[in-house]
Amino acid sequence: MPSLYFRSIRVCPPRGAHMPLACRGARWRPQCCAEPAPAGLREKIVLTDPQALGDWLRLLLTDGVGPQTARALLERFGLPAQVLAAGFPALQKCVPEKLALALSGPIPSEMQAQIDKTLAWAQEPGNHALTFGDDHYPQSLLSTADPPPLLYAKGRVELLSRPALAIVGSRSATVQGMQ
């Protein structure tokens, strides 16, 4: 049986900061990804271009950009490249000044190293990065209240659209959890 797993990238702010859950509606999809997508737009959303993946990573790895903020920015500006190209004045109208500066300023070296590492991973055979607009993004996950904006997948991504079973648990369950 082929090996397949996926996980979302870290989209919550670091250092344990709390980010409220985003959009509670079912089947959330940014306006730029609404069906039917024009062929040109679909090509930009499907992450075959390293620059497009780099833009998604830059957006989602920026301190202070969680799922809710990412959705708001994508709904307002479109794709991540458009968010990053919007400039400080436009960004400041919808996010705090510190976050607008981070998104419009130069990429920190630590973030660039993470982006480069991820781009190298994505170029390996069988590795995939999936966004909301990708045909292989699992529809069952997209219909949840808080779908991750970006998934890493390894293996046959077409299997993500088939029925599946997930078992969620803890390696170190608490007494209350075992009851």
Foldseek 3Di string as FASTA:
>chain_A
DWDKDKDFDDQAAPPPDDDDFAAQAFLDDAPCQPPPHPPVSLVLQFPPDLVLLLLVLLQRVQHPGHQRNVNVLCNVQNGSVRSLVVALVVVVVPDPNVSSCSSPDDPDPVSVVVSVVVSVVCPDPQKGKHASNHPLDASVLSRGRHRRGIMIMGHDSVCSPPDDDDDDDDPDDDPVRVD
